[in-house]
Each structure stands twice: as structure tokens, then as C-alpha cells.
């Protein structure tokens, strides 16, 4: 497996992301990852807080928010793959990375169920189920973000190619 990680690390794209002094390399990709996080998790958390603190649905169009959230997910997925290409062994040998991915998958599942729960016309009360989903979403995004930050500090292997 380490040989595979080392081969990925040697790809010209991986080397450029990791070693280029250009602001368009690692710093820009990290910026995109943060932007996608703000669009997906930030808006999701905002919606969750609204649902937990109010009795009625928000006075804005929810379908537009879901589109922005999914755009944020797309930005995160692409930038995340690029960051993974730069340091595959760092992430794929760390259980925290898999915890982060699991929480993202569950949070997206919760978001889809919350969307279904809030669907409908007109202003209506927030259901108990919607509140539970919002609370679960808050917990999942908190763990996801915390795990993402921990990745910088909990790895045991930075580059597989250095150990070969």
C-alpha cells in the first residue's frame, strides 16, 4: 500500500500542489476547501440553529440554500481530492480522516432527510423530527470540522516516499 501512496505522491500534480511556491497551489486549494466548507457546513449549521431556535420555518427560499450547499460540497470534494493527492499517506493511514469522511456521509444523509422534512408549501411549524435532525446535523458538522483540523496534528506518516 505504501508503494501506491508513494507513486501518487510522485505524480507531477501532487508534487506541484505540495512543493510549488505559487499561491495557486496548496494555499489556494486550501482556501477553496475552506470556502466549500463555509458554503456546505456553514449554511447547514445556520439552518440548524434557526430550526432549533424558532417555531416557524425560515422566511427565505430553502431550495436556493440547498443548491448553494451542494455547490459547496462539490468544491469540497474536488479540493479534498487535490489535497489528498498531495499527501495520500498522511490521510489514508489516519483513522481521524475516516472519521471525518463518515461524519460527512452521515451529515449529508441527515441533510437530505431534513430537506424532506421541511418540504412543503407555506409557513408551518418545525416538527420534533426536524429539530432532532437539526441537532444531529450540528453534532456531525462539529465532529467533521474538528476531525479535519486534527488531521494536521495526528498523522504518523507525512510522505510514504520518504520511508521507502
Foldseek 3Di string as FASTA:
>chain_A
DLVVLQVLQPPPLLCCLQPPPDCVHVVVLVVLLVVLCCLALVLLLVQLVCLQVDFKHDPDDPVVSVVSNVVSVVSNVVSVVSVCSNFVLLQVVDVLNVLLVVLVVVLVVLVVVLCVQPDDDDMHTRDPSNNVSSVSNVVSSVSNVVSVVCSVPPGPDGHSNVVD
